[in-house]
């Protein structure tokens, strides 16, 4: 009669040996997601976790173990877009109170109250 008392042995034989590869795959995918989230930006942190939960049931001297593997990863990074809202509710990429310097020439106005001296 073989006695199994070591947790590594128990985990390695669960589901005919499929739990360890599933756990390894989940770890790798989590590592890659964290790496992608931080990018090459210095001092940027990303946190995640991978959990192995063993559900154990004993009935009439038999033990059934079900493995649950779960992970938490940061949400993907997405950029944002900035717009200005106009009075009619439409959006603009240009600030409504600034003059468009690329819109072409404008009519010049002259202040006639000031005298020019040479």
N, C-alpha and C. Protein backbone atom coordinates (compact mmCIF):
# COMPACT_ATOMS: atom_id res chain seq x y z
N UNK A 1 0.85 -1.17 0.00
CA UNK A 1 0.00 0.00 0.00
C UNK A 1 0.90 1.23 0.00
N UNK A 2 0.70 2.09 -0.98
CA UNK A 2 1.47 3.32 -1.08
C UNK A 2 0.77 4.43 -0.32
N UNK A 3 1.50 5.10 0.56
CA UNK A 3 0.96 6.22 1.32
C UNK A 3 1.44 7.52 0.69
N UNK A 4 0.51 8.42 0.48
CA UNK A 4 0.85 9.72 -0.09
C UNK A 4 0.62 10.77 0.99
N UNK A 5 1.70 11.43 1.40
CA UNK A 5 1.61 12.44 2.45
C UNK A 5 2.19 13.78 2.00
N UNK A 6 2.75 13.80 0.85
CA UNK A 6 3.43 14.99 0.35
C UNK A 6 2.49 15.78 -0.57
N UNK A 7 2.34 17.09 -0.29
CA UNK A 7 1.41 17.91 -1.08
C UNK A 7 1.86 18.03 -2.54
N UNK A 8 3.16 18.08 -2.79
CA UNK A 8 3.64 18.15 -4.17
C UNK A 8 3.21 16.91 -4.96
N UNK A 9 3.28 15.76 -4.34
CA UNK A 9 2.88 14.52 -5.01
C UNK A 9 1.38 14.52 -5.27
N UNK A 10 0.61 14.94 -4.28
CA UNK A 10 -0.86 14.98 -4.44
C UNK A 10 -1.23 15.91 -5.59
N UNK A 11 -0.68 17.12 -5.58
CA UNK A 11 -1.01 18.09 -6.63
C UNK A 11 -0.57 17.58 -8.00
N UNK A 12 0.59 16.94 -8.06
CA UNK A 12 1.10 16.49 -9.36
C UNK A 12 0.27 15.36 -9.97
N UNK A 13 -0.48 14.60 -9.17
CA UNK A 13 -1.28 13.51 -9.74
C UNK A 13 -2.75 13.86 -9.90
N UNK A 14 -3.15 15.05 -9.46
CA UNK A 14 -4.56 15.45 -9.61
C UNK A 14 -4.93 15.51 -11.09
N UNK A 15 -6.14 15.08 -11.39
CA UNK A 15 -6.69 15.08 -12.76
C UNK A 15 -5.71 14.44 -13.74
N UNK A 16 -5.17 13.31 -13.33
CA UNK A 16 -4.23 12.56 -14.18
C UNK A 16 -3.04 13.41 -14.60
N UNK A 17 -2.58 14.26 -13.70
CA UNK A 17 -1.40 15.08 -13.97
C UNK A 17 -1.67 16.37 -14.71
N UNK A 18 -2.92 16.73 -14.93
CA UNK A 18 -3.25 17.92 -15.72
C UNK A 18 -3.28 19.22 -14.91
N UNK A 19 -3.33 19.15 -13.59
CA UNK A 19 -3.41 20.36 -12.78
C UNK A 19 -2.13 21.18 -12.87
N UNK A 20 -0.99 20.53 -12.79
CA UNK A 20 0.29 21.26 -12.83
C UNK A 20 0.46 22.01 -14.17
N UNK A 21 0.23 21.39 -15.33
CA UNK A 21 0.34 22.16 -16.58
C UNK A 21 -0.67 23.31 -16.66
N UNK A 22 -1.90 23.10 -16.15
CA UNK A 22 -2.89 24.18 -16.14
C UNK A 22 -2.42 25.34 -15.27
N UNK A 23 -1.86 25.00 -14.10
CA UNK A 23 -1.36 26.02 -13.19
C UNK A 23 -0.18 26.76 -13.83
N UNK A 24 0.70 26.04 -14.47
CA UNK A 24 1.85 26.65 -15.14
C UNK A 24 1.40 27.60 -16.24
N UNK A 25 0.41 27.19 -17.02
CA UNK A 25 -0.11 28.03 -18.09
C UNK A 25 -0.73 29.30 -17.52
N UNK A 26 -1.49 29.18 -16.45
CA UNK A 26 -2.12 30.34 -15.82
C UNK A 26 -1.08 31.31 -15.27
N UNK A 27 -0.03 30.76 -14.67
CA UNK A 27 1.06 31.60 -14.17
C UNK A 27 1.74 32.36 -15.31
N UNK A 28 2.07 31.65 -16.38
CA UNK A 28 2.74 32.28 -17.51
C UNK A 28 1.88 33.38 -18.12
N UNK A 29 0.59 33.10 -18.32
CA UNK A 29 -0.31 34.11 -18.89
C UNK A 29 -0.43 35.32 -17.97
N UNK A 30 -0.41 35.10 -16.66
CA UNK A 30 -0.47 36.21 -15.71
C UNK A 30 0.82 37.02 -15.76
N UNK A 31 1.97 36.34 -15.81
CA UNK A 31 3.25 37.05 -15.93
C UNK A 31 3.26 37.93 -17.18
N UNK A 32 2.83 37.37 -18.30
CA UNK A 32 2.83 38.12 -19.56
C UNK A 32 1.87 39.30 -19.51
N UNK A 33 0.71 39.12 -18.89
CA UNK A 33 -0.25 40.22 -18.76
C UNK A 33 0.32 41.34 -17.89
N UNK A 34 1.02 40.98 -16.83
CA UNK A 34 1.64 41.99 -15.96
C UNK A 34 2.77 42.72 -16.69
N UNK A 35 3.55 41.97 -17.44
CA UNK A 35 4.63 42.59 -18.22
C UNK A 35 4.06 43.56 -19.25
N UNK A 36 3.01 43.15 -19.94
CA UNK A 36 2.38 44.01 -20.94
C UNK A 36 1.80 45.27 -20.29
N UNK A 37 1.22 45.09 -19.11
CA UNK A 37 0.61 46.23 -18.42
C UNK A 37 1.66 47.28 -18.03
N UNK A 38 2.84 46.83 -17.61
CA UNK A 38 3.87 47.78 -17.20
C UNK A 38 4.64 48.34 -18.38
N UNK A 39 4.69 47.59 -19.47
CA UNK A 39 5.43 48.05 -20.65
C UNK A 39 6.89 48.28 -20.30
N UNK A 40 7.50 49.22 -20.96
CA UNK A 40 8.89 49.55 -20.66
C UNK A 40 8.98 50.81 -19.80
N UNK A 41 7.89 51.14 -19.14
CA UNK A 41 7.88 52.36 -18.32
C UNK A 41 8.55 52.09 -16.98
N UNK A 42 9.51 52.93 -16.60
CA UNK A 42 10.21 52.70 -15.33
C UNK A 42 9.30 52.96 -14.13
N UNK A 43 9.50 52.19 -13.10
CA UNK A 43 8.81 52.32 -11.81
C UNK A 43 7.31 52.11 -11.88
N UNK A 44 6.80 51.55 -12.96
CA UNK A 44 5.37 51.25 -13.06
C UNK A 44 5.15 49.87 -12.47
N UNK A 45 4.18 49.76 -11.57
CA UNK A 45 3.88 48.49 -10.92
C UNK A 45 2.60 47.90 -11.47
N UNK A 46 2.56 46.60 -11.50
CA UNK A 46 1.34 45.88 -11.85
C UNK A 46 1.26 44.68 -10.92
N UNK A 47 0.08 44.46 -10.38
CA UNK A 47 -0.10 43.35 -9.45
C UNK A 47 -1.13 42.38 -9.98
N UNK A 48 -0.92 41.13 -9.65
CA UNK A 48 -1.85 40.09 -10.02
C UNK A 48 -1.70 38.94 -9.04
N UNK A 49 -2.48 37.90 -9.25
CA UNK A 49 -2.37 36.72 -8.39
C UNK A 49 -2.87 35.51 -9.14
N UNK A 50 -2.35 34.36 -8.72
CA UNK A 50 -2.82 33.07 -9.23
C UNK A 50 -3.08 32.21 -8.01
N UNK A 51 -4.26 31.62 -7.97
CA UNK A 51 -4.64 30.81 -6.80
C UNK A 51 -4.99 29.40 -7.22
N UNK A 52 -4.58 28.47 -6.38
CA UNK A 52 -4.98 27.07 -6.52
C UNK A 52 -5.82 26.74 -5.30
N UNK A 53 -7.07 26.39 -5.54
CA UNK A 53 -7.98 26.03 -4.45
C UNK A 53 -8.32 24.55 -4.61
N UNK A 54 -8.15 23.80 -3.54
CA UNK A 54 -8.48 22.38 -3.57
C UNK A 54 -9.76 22.16 -2.78
N UNK A 55 -10.79 21.72 -3.47
CA UNK A 55 -12.06 21.38 -2.82
C UNK A 55 -12.00 19.89 -2.49
N UNK A 56 -12.13 19.59 -1.21
CA UNK A 56 -11.93 18.21 -0.74
C UNK A 56 -13.23 17.70 -0.13
N UNK A 57 -13.62 16.51 -0.55
CA UNK A 57 -14.83 15.88 -0.02
C UNK A 57 -14.49 14.45 0.40
N UNK A 58 -14.90 14.09 1.61
CA UNK A 58 -14.67 12.73 2.12
C UNK A 58 -16.03 12.07 2.32
N UNK A 59 -16.20 10.88 1.71
CA UNK A 59 -17.43 10.11 1.85
C UNK A 59 -17.05 8.63 1.96
N UNK A 60 -17.49 7.99 3.02
CA UNK A 60 -17.27 6.55 3.22
C UNK A 60 -15.81 6.14 3.03
N UNK A 61 -14.89 6.93 3.55
CA UNK A 61 -13.48 6.57 3.48
C UNK A 61 -12.80 6.88 2.16
N UNK A 62 -13.50 7.55 1.23
CA UNK A 62 -12.85 7.95 -0.03
C UNK A 62 -12.73 9.47 -0.05
N UNK A 63 -11.74 9.94 -0.73
CA UNK A 63 -11.49 11.38 -0.83
C UNK A 63 -11.57 11.80 -2.29
N UNK A 64 -12.35 12.84 -2.54
CA UNK A 64 -12.43 13.43 -3.87
C UNK A 64 -11.85 14.83 -3.78
N UNK A 65 -10.92 15.14 -4.67
CA UNK A 65 -10.29 16.46 -4.69
C UNK A 65 -10.54 17.09 -6.05
N UNK A 66 -11.08 18.28 -6.03
CA UNK A 66 -11.28 19.07 -7.26
C UNK A 66 -10.42 20.31 -7.16
N UNK A 67 -9.66 20.57 -8.20
CA UNK A 67 -8.76 21.73 -8.22
C UNK A 67 -9.41 22.88 -8.99
N UNK A 68 -9.36 24.06 -8.38
CA UNK A 68 -9.81 25.29 -9.04
C UNK A 68 -8.61 26.21 -9.17
N UNK A 69 -8.33 26.66 -10.37
CA UNK A 69 -7.25 27.59 -10.60
C UNK A 69 -7.86 28.90 -11.06
N UNK A 70 -7.51 29.99 -10.39
CA UNK A 70 -8.06 31.30 -10.73
C UNK A 70 -6.93 32.32 -10.72
N UNK A 71 -7.13 33.37 -11.50
CA UNK A 71 -6.12 34.44 -11.52
C UNK A 71 -6.80 35.80 -11.55
N UNK A 72 -6.07 36.78 -11.06
CA UNK A 72 -6.50 38.18 -11.12
C UNK A 72 -5.40 38.94 -11.85
N UNK A 73 -5.80 39.67 -12.86
CA UNK A 73 -4.84 40.43 -13.68
C UNK A 73 -5.36 41.85 -13.83
N UNK A 74 -4.45 42.80 -14.01
CA UNK A 74 -4.91 44.17 -14.22
C UNK A 74 -5.66 44.30 -15.54
N UNK A 75 -6.54 45.25 -15.58
CA UNK A 75 -7.25 45.50 -16.83
C UNK A 75 -6.27 46.03 -17.86
N UNK A 76 -6.50 45.72 -19.12
CA UNK A 76 -5.59 46.22 -20.16
C UNK A 76 -5.55 47.75 -20.17
N UNK A 77 -4.39 48.28 -20.51
CA UNK A 77 -4.21 49.72 -20.57
C UNK A 77 -4.73 50.21 -21.92
N UNK A 78 -5.59 51.22 -21.87
CA UNK A 78 -6.11 51.83 -23.08
C UNK A 78 -5.89 53.33 -22.98
N UNK A 79 -5.67 53.96 -24.08
CA UNK A 79 -5.51 55.40 -24.11
C UNK A 79 -6.86 56.10 -23.97
N UNK A 80 -6.80 57.39 -23.79
CA UNK A 80 -8.03 58.17 -23.72
C UNK A 80 -7.97 59.28 -24.77
N UNK A 81 -9.09 59.83 -25.10
CA UNK A 81 -9.18 60.90 -26.08
C UNK A 81 -9.83 62.11 -25.42
N UNK A 82 -9.35 63.28 -25.79
CA UNK A 82 -9.84 64.51 -25.17
C UNK A 82 -10.57 65.34 -26.22
N UNK A 83 -11.75 65.81 -25.87
CA UNK A 83 -12.55 66.63 -26.76
C UNK A 83 -13.11 67.81 -25.99
N UNK A 84 -13.58 68.81 -26.72
CA UNK A 84 -14.33 69.91 -26.10
C UNK A 84 -15.77 69.80 -26.54
N UNK A 85 -16.66 70.08 -25.61
CA UNK A 85 -18.07 70.04 -25.93
C UNK A 85 -18.53 71.44 -26.33
N UNK A 86 -19.20 71.51 -27.47
CA UNK A 86 -19.71 72.78 -27.97
C UNK A 86 -21.09 73.04 -27.40
N UNK A 87 -21.57 74.26 -27.60
CA UNK A 87 -22.87 74.65 -27.02
C UNK A 87 -24.02 73.77 -27.48
N UNK A 88 -23.95 73.25 -28.71
CA UNK A 88 -25.05 72.41 -29.22
C UNK A 88 -24.89 70.94 -28.82
N UNK A 89 -23.87 70.64 -27.99
CA UNK A 89 -23.67 69.28 -27.53
C UNK A 89 -22.75 68.44 -28.40
N UNK A 90 -22.33 68.97 -29.54
CA UNK A 90 -21.39 68.22 -30.39
C UNK A 90 -19.98 68.35 -29.82
N UNK A 91 -19.10 67.50 -30.31
CA UNK A 91 -17.72 67.47 -29.83
C UNK A 91 -16.78 68.08 -30.85
N UNK A 92 -15.67 68.62 -30.36
CA UNK A 92 -14.67 69.20 -31.23
C UNK A 92 -13.29 68.83 -30.71
N UNK A 93 -12.35 68.64 -31.64
CA UNK A 93 -10.97 68.39 -31.23
C UNK A 93 -10.22 69.71 -31.04
N UNK A 94 -10.87 70.82 -31.36
CA UNK A 94 -10.26 72.13 -31.24
C UNK A 94 -10.97 72.91 -30.13
N UNK A 95 -10.18 73.59 -29.31
CA UNK A 95 -10.75 74.40 -28.23
C UNK A 95 -11.63 75.48 -28.85
N UNK A 96 -12.88 75.58 -28.45
CA UNK A 96 -13.80 76.51 -29.11
C UNK A 96 -13.46 77.99 -28.87
N UNK A 97 -12.67 78.31 -27.88
CA UNK A 97 -12.34 79.71 -27.61
C UNK A 97 -10.98 80.12 -28.14
N UNK A 98 -10.32 79.22 -28.85
CA UNK A 98 -9.03 79.54 -29.44
C UNK A 98 -9.18 79.70 -30.94
N UNK A 99 -8.38 80.57 -31.50
CA UNK A 99 -8.42 80.84 -32.93
C UNK A 99 -7.69 79.73 -33.67
N UNK A 100 -8.25 79.33 -34.80
CA UNK A 100 -7.61 78.32 -35.63
C UNK A 100 -6.51 78.98 -36.44
N UNK A 101 -5.25 78.74 -36.08
CA UNK A 101 -4.15 79.39 -36.77
C UNK A 101 -3.85 78.77 -38.12
N UNK A 102 -4.44 77.64 -38.42
CA UNK A 102 -4.22 76.98 -39.70
C UNK A 102 -5.45 77.09 -40.61
N UNK A 103 -6.44 77.84 -40.22
CA UNK A 103 -7.67 77.94 -40.99
C UNK A 103 -7.60 78.91 -42.14
N UNK A 104 -6.48 79.54 -42.38
CA UNK A 104 -6.35 80.49 -43.47
C UNK A 104 -6.33 81.92 -42.93
N UNK A 105 -6.12 82.88 -43.83
CA UNK A 105 -6.02 84.28 -43.38
C UNK A 105 -7.37 84.80 -42.87
N UNK A 106 -7.26 85.71 -41.90
CA UNK A 106 -8.45 86.36 -41.35
C UNK A 106 -8.40 87.83 -41.70
N UNK A 107 -9.53 88.44 -41.68
CA UNK A 107 -9.60 89.88 -41.94
C UNK A 107 -8.96 90.61 -40.78
N UNK A 108 -8.06 91.53 -41.10
CA UNK A 108 -7.38 92.30 -40.06
C UNK A 108 -8.30 93.42 -39.60
N UNK A 109 -8.28 93.70 -38.35
CA UNK A 109 -9.05 94.82 -37.81
C UNK A 109 -8.07 95.87 -37.33
N UNK A 110 -8.44 97.12 -37.48
CA UNK A 110 -7.56 98.22 -37.11
C UNK A 110 -8.24 99.03 -36.03
N UNK A 111 -7.47 99.30 -35.01
CA UNK A 111 -7.97 100.13 -33.93
C UNK A 111 -7.72 101.58 -34.31
N UNK A 112 -8.78 102.31 -34.64
CA UNK A 112 -8.65 103.68 -35.13
C UNK A 112 -8.51 104.69 -34.00
N UNK A 113 -8.68 104.30 -32.80
CA UNK A 113 -8.57 105.26 -31.69
C UNK A 113 -7.13 105.53 -31.31
N UNK A 114 -6.21 104.73 -31.78
CA UNK A 114 -4.80 104.94 -31.46
C UNK A 114 -4.10 105.62 -32.63
N UNK A 115 -3.29 106.57 -32.34
CA UNK A 115 -2.54 107.25 -33.37
C UNK A 115 -1.14 106.64 -33.44
N UNK A 116 -0.66 106.50 -34.64
CA UNK A 116 0.69 105.98 -34.84
C UNK A 116 1.63 107.14 -35.04
N UNK A 117 2.73 107.10 -34.37
CA UNK A 117 3.73 108.17 -34.57
C UNK A 117 5.00 107.54 -35.09
N UNK A 118 5.68 108.27 -35.96
CA UNK A 118 6.91 107.75 -36.54
C UNK A 118 8.10 108.49 -36.02
